[in-house]
N, C-alpha and C. Protein backbone atom coordinates (compact mmCIF):
# COMPACT_ATOMS: atom_id res chain seq x y z
N MET A 1 7.22 10.25 25.99
CA MET A 1 6.46 9.42 25.07
C MET A 1 6.78 9.88 23.65
N ASN A 2 7.09 8.97 22.78
CA ASN A 2 7.36 9.29 21.38
C ASN A 2 6.07 9.25 20.58
N GLY A 3 6.03 10.02 19.49
CA GLY A 3 4.85 10.00 18.64
C GLY A 3 3.75 10.86 19.19
N PRO A 4 2.54 10.70 18.62
CA PRO A 4 1.44 11.56 19.03
C PRO A 4 1.01 11.26 20.46
N THR A 5 0.52 12.28 21.11
CA THR A 5 -0.01 12.13 22.46
C THR A 5 -1.51 12.28 22.39
N PRO A 6 -2.22 11.89 23.46
CA PRO A 6 -3.67 12.06 23.44
C PRO A 6 -4.09 13.49 23.17
N GLU A 7 -3.27 14.47 23.59
CA GLU A 7 -3.62 15.86 23.36
C GLU A 7 -3.62 16.21 21.87
N ASP A 8 -2.83 15.45 21.09
CA ASP A 8 -2.78 15.70 19.65
C ASP A 8 -4.09 15.33 18.96
N GLY A 9 -4.88 14.48 19.61
CA GLY A 9 -6.14 14.06 19.02
C GLY A 9 -5.96 13.06 17.91
N ALA A 10 -4.79 12.48 17.76
CA ALA A 10 -4.54 11.51 16.70
C ALA A 10 -5.30 10.22 17.00
N PRO A 11 -5.86 9.56 15.96
CA PRO A 11 -6.55 8.29 16.18
C PRO A 11 -5.60 7.28 16.82
N GLY A 12 -6.15 6.49 17.71
CA GLY A 12 -5.38 5.43 18.33
C GLY A 12 -4.53 5.88 19.50
N THR A 13 -4.65 7.13 19.93
CA THR A 13 -3.85 7.60 21.06
C THR A 13 -4.68 7.86 22.31
N ALA A 14 -5.97 7.69 22.24
CA ALA A 14 -6.83 7.93 23.40
C ALA A 14 -6.54 6.88 24.47
N ARG A 15 -6.15 7.35 25.65
CA ARG A 15 -5.81 6.46 26.76
C ARG A 15 -7.06 6.10 27.55
N THR A 16 -7.24 4.79 27.79
CA THR A 16 -8.40 4.30 28.52
C THR A 16 -7.94 3.49 29.72
N LEU A 17 -8.51 3.80 30.88
CA LEU A 17 -8.28 3.03 32.09
C LEU A 17 -9.55 2.23 32.38
N VAL A 18 -9.40 0.92 32.52
CA VAL A 18 -10.50 0.06 32.91
C VAL A 18 -10.23 -0.37 34.35
N ALA A 19 -11.14 -0.01 35.26
CA ALA A 19 -10.94 -0.26 36.68
C ALA A 19 -11.99 -1.24 37.20
N GLY A 20 -11.53 -2.36 37.71
CA GLY A 20 -12.40 -3.33 38.36
C GLY A 20 -12.52 -2.96 39.83
N VAL A 21 -13.75 -2.70 40.27
CA VAL A 21 -14.01 -2.20 41.62
C VAL A 21 -14.79 -3.27 42.39
N GLY A 22 -14.50 -3.39 43.68
CA GLY A 22 -15.32 -4.26 44.52
C GLY A 22 -14.52 -5.02 45.55
N ASN A 23 -15.25 -5.65 46.45
CA ASN A 23 -14.68 -6.40 47.56
C ASN A 23 -14.95 -7.88 47.33
N ILE A 24 -13.92 -8.65 47.05
CA ILE A 24 -14.08 -10.07 46.74
C ILE A 24 -14.57 -10.88 47.94
N PHE A 25 -14.54 -10.30 49.14
CA PHE A 25 -14.99 -11.00 50.33
C PHE A 25 -16.48 -10.79 50.62
N LEU A 26 -17.18 -10.08 49.72
CA LEU A 26 -18.61 -9.83 49.90
C LEU A 26 -19.41 -10.33 48.69
N GLY A 27 -19.23 -11.59 48.36
CA GLY A 27 -20.02 -12.23 47.32
C GLY A 27 -19.96 -11.51 45.99
N ASP A 28 -21.12 -11.05 45.51
CA ASP A 28 -21.22 -10.44 44.19
C ASP A 28 -20.48 -9.11 44.08
N ASP A 29 -20.07 -8.54 45.20
CA ASP A 29 -19.29 -7.30 45.14
C ASP A 29 -17.96 -7.54 44.42
N GLY A 30 -17.56 -8.79 44.27
CA GLY A 30 -16.34 -9.12 43.54
C GLY A 30 -16.50 -9.13 42.03
N PHE A 31 -17.68 -8.76 41.52
CA PHE A 31 -17.95 -8.77 40.07
C PHE A 31 -16.92 -7.98 39.26
N GLY A 32 -16.63 -6.76 39.69
CA GLY A 32 -15.70 -5.92 38.93
C GLY A 32 -14.30 -6.50 38.89
N VAL A 33 -13.85 -7.03 40.02
CA VAL A 33 -12.52 -7.62 40.10
C VAL A 33 -12.45 -8.88 39.23
N GLU A 34 -13.47 -9.72 39.27
CA GLU A 34 -13.48 -10.94 38.46
C GLU A 34 -13.55 -10.61 36.97
N THR A 35 -14.35 -9.63 36.60
CA THR A 35 -14.42 -9.23 35.19
C THR A 35 -13.07 -8.72 34.73
N LEU A 36 -12.42 -7.93 35.55
CA LEU A 36 -11.10 -7.42 35.20
C LEU A 36 -10.10 -8.57 35.04
N ARG A 37 -10.16 -9.54 35.92
CA ARG A 37 -9.25 -10.69 35.83
C ARG A 37 -9.41 -11.39 34.49
N ARG A 38 -10.65 -11.54 34.06
CA ARG A 38 -10.90 -12.20 32.77
C ARG A 38 -10.51 -11.32 31.59
N LEU A 39 -10.59 -10.01 31.78
CA LEU A 39 -10.16 -9.10 30.70
C LEU A 39 -8.66 -9.21 30.41
N THR A 40 -7.89 -9.68 31.38
CA THR A 40 -6.45 -9.82 31.16
C THR A 40 -6.14 -10.86 30.07
N ARG A 41 -7.10 -11.70 29.75
CA ARG A 41 -6.93 -12.73 28.70
C ARG A 41 -7.30 -12.21 27.31
N GLU A 42 -7.86 -11.01 27.24
CA GLU A 42 -8.35 -10.47 25.97
C GLU A 42 -7.28 -9.65 25.27
N LYS A 43 -7.38 -9.59 23.95
CA LYS A 43 -6.51 -8.70 23.17
C LYS A 43 -7.15 -7.31 23.22
N LEU A 44 -6.40 -6.38 23.81
CA LEU A 44 -6.89 -5.01 23.98
C LEU A 44 -5.92 -4.04 23.33
N PRO A 45 -6.40 -2.85 22.98
CA PRO A 45 -5.49 -1.85 22.40
C PRO A 45 -4.34 -1.51 23.36
N ALA A 46 -3.22 -1.13 22.79
CA ALA A 46 -2.04 -0.78 23.60
C ALA A 46 -2.30 0.44 24.48
N THR A 47 -3.32 1.23 24.16
CA THR A 47 -3.62 2.44 24.92
C THR A 47 -4.54 2.17 26.11
N VAL A 48 -4.81 0.90 26.39
CA VAL A 48 -5.70 0.51 27.48
C VAL A 48 -4.88 -0.05 28.63
N GLU A 49 -5.20 0.41 29.84
CA GLU A 49 -4.58 -0.14 31.04
C GLU A 49 -5.68 -0.71 31.93
N LEU A 50 -5.43 -1.89 32.47
CA LEU A 50 -6.36 -2.52 33.40
C LEU A 50 -5.87 -2.28 34.82
N ALA A 51 -6.79 -1.95 35.71
CA ALA A 51 -6.43 -1.70 37.11
C ALA A 51 -7.40 -2.45 38.03
N ASP A 52 -6.87 -3.38 38.80
CA ASP A 52 -7.65 -4.06 39.83
C ASP A 52 -7.66 -3.14 41.03
N VAL A 53 -8.71 -2.35 41.15
CA VAL A 53 -8.80 -1.34 42.20
C VAL A 53 -9.31 -1.96 43.50
N GLY A 54 -10.16 -2.97 43.39
CA GLY A 54 -10.73 -3.56 44.59
C GLY A 54 -11.46 -2.52 45.39
N VAL A 55 -11.04 -2.28 46.63
CA VAL A 55 -11.69 -1.30 47.50
C VAL A 55 -10.84 -0.04 47.66
N ARG A 56 -9.85 0.14 46.79
CA ARG A 56 -8.94 1.29 46.91
C ARG A 56 -9.42 2.46 46.05
N GLY A 57 -10.58 2.99 46.36
CA GLY A 57 -11.17 4.07 45.60
C GLY A 57 -10.37 5.36 45.64
N VAL A 58 -9.77 5.67 46.77
CA VAL A 58 -8.98 6.90 46.87
C VAL A 58 -7.78 6.80 45.92
N HIS A 59 -7.15 5.62 45.87
CA HIS A 59 -6.03 5.40 44.95
C HIS A 59 -6.49 5.62 43.51
N LEU A 60 -7.67 5.11 43.16
CA LEU A 60 -8.20 5.28 41.81
C LEU A 60 -8.38 6.76 41.49
N ALA A 61 -8.94 7.53 42.41
CA ALA A 61 -9.16 8.95 42.15
C ALA A 61 -7.84 9.66 41.84
N TYR A 62 -6.80 9.34 42.60
CA TYR A 62 -5.49 9.96 42.34
C TYR A 62 -4.89 9.45 41.03
N GLN A 63 -5.09 8.18 40.71
CA GLN A 63 -4.57 7.62 39.46
C GLN A 63 -5.21 8.31 38.25
N LEU A 64 -6.44 8.74 38.40
CA LEU A 64 -7.15 9.40 37.30
C LEU A 64 -6.60 10.79 37.00
N LEU A 65 -5.79 11.34 37.87
CA LEU A 65 -5.17 12.64 37.61
C LEU A 65 -4.05 12.55 36.58
N ASP A 66 -3.70 11.33 36.17
CA ASP A 66 -2.60 11.11 35.23
C ASP A 66 -2.97 11.34 33.78
N GLY A 67 -4.15 11.84 33.50
CA GLY A 67 -4.50 12.22 32.13
C GLY A 67 -5.11 11.12 31.28
N TRP A 68 -6.18 10.53 31.74
CA TRP A 68 -6.89 9.50 30.98
C TRP A 68 -7.99 10.15 30.14
N ASP A 69 -8.19 9.64 28.94
CA ASP A 69 -9.27 10.13 28.08
C ASP A 69 -10.60 9.49 28.46
N THR A 70 -10.54 8.19 28.81
CA THR A 70 -11.75 7.44 29.14
C THR A 70 -11.50 6.59 30.36
N LEU A 71 -12.48 6.54 31.24
CA LEU A 71 -12.48 5.63 32.38
C LEU A 71 -13.66 4.69 32.20
N VAL A 72 -13.40 3.40 32.31
CA VAL A 72 -14.47 2.40 32.32
C VAL A 72 -14.41 1.73 33.69
N LEU A 73 -15.41 2.00 34.51
CA LEU A 73 -15.53 1.35 35.81
C LEU A 73 -16.34 0.08 35.64
N VAL A 74 -15.94 -0.98 36.32
CA VAL A 74 -16.69 -2.23 36.29
C VAL A 74 -17.01 -2.56 37.75
N ASP A 75 -18.31 -2.61 38.06
CA ASP A 75 -18.72 -2.76 39.46
C ASP A 75 -20.15 -3.27 39.51
N ILE A 76 -20.58 -3.65 40.69
CA ILE A 76 -21.99 -3.97 40.88
C ILE A 76 -22.76 -2.66 40.95
N THR A 77 -24.04 -2.73 40.67
CA THR A 77 -24.89 -1.56 40.79
C THR A 77 -26.30 -2.02 41.12
N ALA A 78 -27.03 -1.19 41.80
CA ALA A 78 -28.42 -1.52 42.16
C ALA A 78 -29.34 -0.58 41.40
N ARG A 79 -30.01 -1.13 40.42
CA ARG A 79 -30.95 -0.32 39.62
C ARG A 79 -32.32 -0.98 39.54
N GLY A 80 -32.53 -2.05 40.31
CA GLY A 80 -33.85 -2.66 40.38
C GLY A 80 -34.09 -3.81 39.43
N GLY A 81 -33.10 -4.19 38.64
CA GLY A 81 -33.26 -5.30 37.71
C GLY A 81 -33.04 -6.64 38.39
N ALA A 82 -33.19 -7.68 37.61
CA ALA A 82 -32.94 -9.04 38.12
C ALA A 82 -31.44 -9.23 38.34
N PRO A 83 -31.07 -10.03 39.33
CA PRO A 83 -29.64 -10.30 39.53
C PRO A 83 -28.99 -10.79 38.24
N GLY A 84 -27.81 -10.25 37.96
CA GLY A 84 -27.09 -10.59 36.74
C GLY A 84 -27.36 -9.66 35.58
N THR A 85 -28.33 -8.75 35.73
CA THR A 85 -28.61 -7.78 34.67
C THR A 85 -27.43 -6.82 34.54
N LEU A 86 -26.99 -6.59 33.31
CA LEU A 86 -25.88 -5.67 33.05
C LEU A 86 -26.41 -4.33 32.57
N TYR A 87 -25.69 -3.28 32.94
CA TYR A 87 -26.03 -1.92 32.55
C TYR A 87 -24.79 -1.23 32.02
N LEU A 88 -24.97 -0.38 31.03
CA LEU A 88 -23.92 0.53 30.60
C LEU A 88 -24.41 1.93 30.92
N ILE A 89 -23.70 2.60 31.83
CA ILE A 89 -24.11 3.91 32.33
C ILE A 89 -23.04 4.92 31.96
N ASP A 90 -23.46 6.02 31.34
CA ASP A 90 -22.54 7.10 31.00
C ASP A 90 -22.58 8.11 32.14
N ALA A 91 -21.47 8.23 32.86
CA ALA A 91 -21.38 9.15 34.00
C ALA A 91 -20.46 10.32 33.68
N SER A 92 -20.38 10.67 32.41
CA SER A 92 -19.43 11.69 31.97
C SER A 92 -19.78 13.10 32.42
N ALA A 93 -21.04 13.41 32.58
CA ALA A 93 -21.44 14.77 32.91
C ALA A 93 -21.16 15.05 34.38
N THR A 94 -20.09 15.80 34.67
CA THR A 94 -19.72 16.08 36.06
C THR A 94 -20.81 16.84 36.78
N GLY A 95 -21.56 17.67 36.09
CA GLY A 95 -22.61 18.45 36.73
C GLY A 95 -23.73 17.59 37.27
N ASP A 96 -23.87 16.37 36.76
CA ASP A 96 -24.93 15.49 37.22
C ASP A 96 -24.53 14.65 38.43
N ARG A 97 -23.24 14.61 38.74
CA ARG A 97 -22.77 13.76 39.83
C ARG A 97 -22.97 14.48 41.16
N GLY A 98 -23.74 13.83 42.02
CA GLY A 98 -23.91 14.35 43.37
C GLY A 98 -24.68 15.65 43.45
N ARG A 99 -25.41 16.03 42.40
CA ARG A 99 -26.16 17.28 42.43
C ARG A 99 -27.18 17.25 43.55
N GLY A 100 -27.15 18.30 44.36
CA GLY A 100 -28.14 18.43 45.42
C GLY A 100 -27.84 17.61 46.66
N THR A 101 -26.65 17.04 46.75
CA THR A 101 -26.33 16.25 47.94
C THR A 101 -25.16 16.88 48.65
N GLU A 102 -25.11 16.68 49.94
CA GLU A 102 -23.98 17.15 50.73
C GLU A 102 -22.81 16.21 50.50
N PRO A 103 -21.58 16.72 50.50
CA PRO A 103 -20.44 15.83 50.35
C PRO A 103 -20.40 14.81 51.48
N ALA A 104 -20.16 13.56 51.11
CA ALA A 104 -20.06 12.51 52.12
C ALA A 104 -18.68 12.55 52.75
N PRO A 105 -18.59 12.16 54.02
CA PRO A 105 -17.26 12.11 54.61
C PRO A 105 -16.41 11.09 53.86
N LEU A 106 -15.12 11.40 53.71
CA LEU A 106 -14.22 10.52 52.99
C LEU A 106 -13.92 9.30 53.83
N ASP A 107 -14.29 8.13 53.33
CA ASP A 107 -14.04 6.86 54.01
C ASP A 107 -13.39 5.94 52.99
N GLY A 108 -12.09 5.71 53.15
CA GLY A 108 -11.34 4.92 52.19
C GLY A 108 -11.82 3.50 52.03
N HIS A 109 -12.64 3.01 52.95
CA HIS A 109 -13.14 1.64 52.85
C HIS A 109 -14.53 1.57 52.23
N ARG A 110 -15.15 2.70 51.97
CA ARG A 110 -16.50 2.71 51.40
C ARG A 110 -16.58 3.67 50.23
N MET A 111 -15.63 3.55 49.33
CA MET A 111 -15.57 4.46 48.19
C MET A 111 -16.35 3.86 47.01
N THR A 112 -17.62 4.22 46.93
CA THR A 112 -18.43 3.81 45.79
C THR A 112 -17.95 4.57 44.56
N PRO A 113 -18.30 4.11 43.36
CA PRO A 113 -17.93 4.89 42.18
C PRO A 113 -18.38 6.34 42.25
N ASP A 114 -19.57 6.61 42.80
CA ASP A 114 -20.03 8.00 42.94
C ASP A 114 -19.08 8.80 43.83
N ALA A 115 -18.64 8.20 44.92
CA ALA A 115 -17.73 8.89 45.83
C ALA A 115 -16.37 9.12 45.19
N VAL A 116 -15.90 8.15 44.41
CA VAL A 116 -14.61 8.30 43.70
C VAL A 116 -14.71 9.46 42.71
N LEU A 117 -15.81 9.52 41.96
CA LEU A 117 -15.97 10.59 40.97
C LEU A 117 -16.11 11.96 41.63
N ALA A 118 -16.79 12.01 42.77
CA ALA A 118 -16.90 13.28 43.50
C ALA A 118 -15.52 13.72 44.01
N LEU A 119 -14.74 12.77 44.52
CA LEU A 119 -13.38 13.09 44.97
C LEU A 119 -12.54 13.54 43.78
N LEU A 120 -12.69 12.87 42.64
CA LEU A 120 -11.95 13.25 41.43
C LEU A 120 -12.28 14.69 41.04
N ASP A 121 -13.55 15.05 41.07
CA ASP A 121 -13.93 16.42 40.74
C ASP A 121 -13.24 17.42 41.67
N THR A 122 -13.18 17.10 42.96
CA THR A 122 -12.53 17.97 43.94
C THR A 122 -11.03 18.05 43.66
N LEU A 123 -10.40 16.91 43.40
CA LEU A 123 -8.96 16.89 43.12
C LEU A 123 -8.64 17.68 41.85
N CYS A 124 -9.45 17.52 40.83
CA CYS A 124 -9.22 18.26 39.58
C CYS A 124 -9.36 19.76 39.80
N ALA A 125 -10.36 20.16 40.57
CA ALA A 125 -10.54 21.58 40.85
C ALA A 125 -9.34 22.15 41.60
N GLY A 126 -8.77 21.35 42.48
CA GLY A 126 -7.65 21.82 43.27
C GLY A 126 -6.31 21.78 42.56
N THR A 127 -6.17 20.90 41.57
CA THR A 127 -4.88 20.73 40.90
C THR A 127 -4.84 21.29 39.50
N GLY A 128 -6.00 21.57 38.94
CA GLY A 128 -6.05 22.02 37.55
C GLY A 128 -6.01 20.88 36.56
N ALA A 129 -5.98 19.65 37.04
CA ALA A 129 -6.00 18.48 36.15
C ALA A 129 -7.38 18.34 35.54
N ALA A 130 -7.46 17.62 34.43
CA ALA A 130 -8.74 17.39 33.77
C ALA A 130 -9.19 15.96 34.04
N PRO A 131 -10.47 15.77 34.35
CA PRO A 131 -10.97 14.40 34.52
C PRO A 131 -11.07 13.72 33.15
N PRO A 132 -11.24 12.42 33.13
CA PRO A 132 -11.44 11.74 31.84
C PRO A 132 -12.61 12.37 31.09
N ARG A 133 -12.48 12.46 29.78
CA ARG A 133 -13.54 13.04 28.94
C ARG A 133 -14.78 12.17 28.95
N ARG A 134 -14.58 10.84 29.03
CA ARG A 134 -15.72 9.91 29.11
C ARG A 134 -15.54 9.05 30.34
N ILE A 135 -16.63 8.87 31.07
CA ILE A 135 -16.64 7.99 32.24
C ILE A 135 -17.84 7.07 32.07
N LEU A 136 -17.54 5.80 31.93
CA LEU A 136 -18.57 4.79 31.71
C LEU A 136 -18.54 3.78 32.84
N LEU A 137 -19.70 3.27 33.20
CA LEU A 137 -19.81 2.21 34.19
C LEU A 137 -20.48 1.01 33.56
N VAL A 138 -19.79 -0.13 33.60
CA VAL A 138 -20.42 -1.40 33.24
C VAL A 138 -20.80 -2.01 34.58
N GLY A 139 -22.08 -1.97 34.87
CA GLY A 139 -22.57 -2.41 36.18
C GLY A 139 -23.39 -3.67 36.07
N CYS A 140 -23.43 -4.41 37.15
CA CYS A 140 -24.19 -5.65 37.21
C CYS A 140 -25.04 -5.66 38.47
N GLU A 141 -26.27 -6.03 38.32
CA GLU A 141 -27.18 -6.16 39.46
C GLU A 141 -26.76 -7.37 40.30
N ALA A 142 -26.56 -7.17 41.59
CA ALA A 142 -26.11 -8.23 42.49
C ALA A 142 -27.27 -9.08 42.98
N ALA A 143 -26.96 -10.33 43.34
CA ALA A 143 -27.93 -11.20 44.00
C ALA A 143 -27.66 -11.25 45.49
N SER A 144 -26.37 -11.22 45.87
CA SER A 144 -26.02 -11.33 47.28
C SER A 144 -24.72 -10.58 47.57
N LEU A 145 -24.74 -9.81 48.64
CA LEU A 145 -23.55 -9.11 49.12
C LEU A 145 -23.15 -9.62 50.50
N ASP A 146 -23.55 -10.85 50.78
CA ASP A 146 -23.22 -11.47 52.06
C ASP A 146 -21.74 -11.79 52.10
N GLU A 147 -21.20 -11.89 53.32
CA GLU A 147 -19.79 -12.25 53.47
C GLU A 147 -19.55 -13.61 52.84
N GLY A 148 -18.46 -13.71 52.12
CA GLY A 148 -18.08 -14.96 51.48
C GLY A 148 -17.45 -14.68 50.12
N ILE A 149 -16.58 -15.56 49.72
CA ILE A 149 -15.89 -15.40 48.44
C ILE A 149 -16.64 -16.19 47.38
N GLY A 150 -16.84 -15.57 46.23
CA GLY A 150 -17.49 -16.23 45.10
C GLY A 150 -18.75 -15.50 44.68
N LEU A 151 -18.95 -15.47 43.39
CA LEU A 151 -20.12 -14.80 42.82
C LEU A 151 -21.32 -15.73 42.81
N SER A 152 -22.52 -15.16 42.89
CA SER A 152 -23.74 -15.93 42.75
C SER A 152 -23.79 -16.48 41.33
N PRO A 153 -24.57 -17.53 41.09
CA PRO A 153 -24.66 -18.07 39.73
C PRO A 153 -25.11 -17.03 38.69
N GLN A 154 -26.05 -16.15 39.06
CA GLN A 154 -26.55 -15.15 38.12
C GLN A 154 -25.45 -14.15 37.73
N VAL A 155 -24.68 -13.69 38.71
CA VAL A 155 -23.64 -12.70 38.43
C VAL A 155 -22.47 -13.36 37.73
N ALA A 156 -22.12 -14.58 38.12
CA ALA A 156 -21.04 -15.31 37.44
C ALA A 156 -21.39 -15.50 35.96
N ALA A 157 -22.65 -15.77 35.68
CA ALA A 157 -23.07 -15.97 34.29
C ALA A 157 -23.00 -14.67 33.48
N ALA A 158 -23.05 -13.51 34.16
CA ALA A 158 -23.00 -12.21 33.47
C ALA A 158 -21.57 -11.78 33.15
N VAL A 159 -20.57 -12.37 33.79
CA VAL A 159 -19.18 -11.93 33.61
C VAL A 159 -18.73 -12.03 32.15
N PRO A 160 -18.94 -13.13 31.43
CA PRO A 160 -18.49 -13.18 30.03
C PRO A 160 -19.09 -12.07 29.15
N GLU A 161 -20.34 -11.74 29.37
CA GLU A 161 -20.98 -10.66 28.60
C GLU A 161 -20.38 -9.31 29.00
N ALA A 162 -20.07 -9.14 30.28
CA ALA A 162 -19.43 -7.90 30.72
C ALA A 162 -18.05 -7.77 30.07
N VAL A 163 -17.31 -8.86 29.97
CA VAL A 163 -16.00 -8.85 29.31
C VAL A 163 -16.18 -8.42 27.85
N ARG A 164 -17.18 -8.97 27.18
CA ARG A 164 -17.44 -8.61 25.78
C ARG A 164 -17.78 -7.12 25.67
N MET A 165 -18.63 -6.62 26.58
CA MET A 165 -19.02 -5.21 26.55
C MET A 165 -17.81 -4.30 26.72
N VAL A 166 -16.98 -4.60 27.71
CA VAL A 166 -15.81 -3.75 27.97
C VAL A 166 -14.84 -3.82 26.78
N THR A 167 -14.62 -5.00 26.26
CA THR A 167 -13.71 -5.16 25.13
C THR A 167 -14.19 -4.32 23.94
N GLU A 168 -15.47 -4.37 23.63
CA GLU A 168 -16.01 -3.55 22.53
C GLU A 168 -15.84 -2.06 22.83
N LEU A 169 -16.13 -1.66 24.07
CA LEU A 169 -16.00 -0.25 24.43
C LEU A 169 -14.58 0.27 24.25
N VAL A 170 -13.59 -0.49 24.72
CA VAL A 170 -12.22 0.01 24.64
C VAL A 170 -11.72 0.04 23.20
N TRP A 171 -12.17 -0.88 22.37
CA TRP A 171 -11.77 -0.81 20.96
C TRP A 171 -12.43 0.38 20.28
N GLN A 172 -13.66 0.70 20.62
CA GLN A 172 -14.34 1.87 20.07
C GLN A 172 -13.61 3.14 20.51
N GLU A 173 -13.23 3.23 21.78
CA GLU A 173 -12.54 4.40 22.30
C GLU A 173 -11.16 4.57 21.67
N ALA A 174 -10.52 3.46 21.30
CA ALA A 174 -9.16 3.50 20.76
C ALA A 174 -9.13 4.18 19.39
N VAL A 175 -10.25 4.20 18.69
CA VAL A 175 -10.27 4.80 17.35
C VAL A 175 -10.92 6.17 17.33
N VAL A 176 -11.32 6.66 18.49
CA VAL A 176 -11.96 7.99 18.56
C VAL A 176 -10.94 9.06 18.26
């Protein structure tokens, strides 16, 4: 790579990975993937990479070993709000992830963001790699996770706002 690297701390060099997570065959679980698809139409900093992760959480954990400054996960989340409610969650503190819980068995088909981050912590400890300095989740409250393709009206209506949120986040991170 020519020019400054993220390690130099130069403005505009912070690398951000935006990962759309979810299963498009389970209704609103496709929120992250659909939001990512729409993000491909946006003007984003050159230091941003979009990744349609779908249900490949193990792949995402290994991809994060490549030295990202910021990870923005886009996925459904259950926090008790009305369907379509968006949340911005800062999951950067590794000490807060999975505290007091036993490690879950690794299941490549059920890799929630929490499981991906726990696996990332394990991989970093074993390889000496550093996790992203910031880990953010843009989450949306689901209405239905029933089998079928397509988002509920409430979650579909939240996608444009999620695109706006992610776009603002990555531009903010690009100047850090």
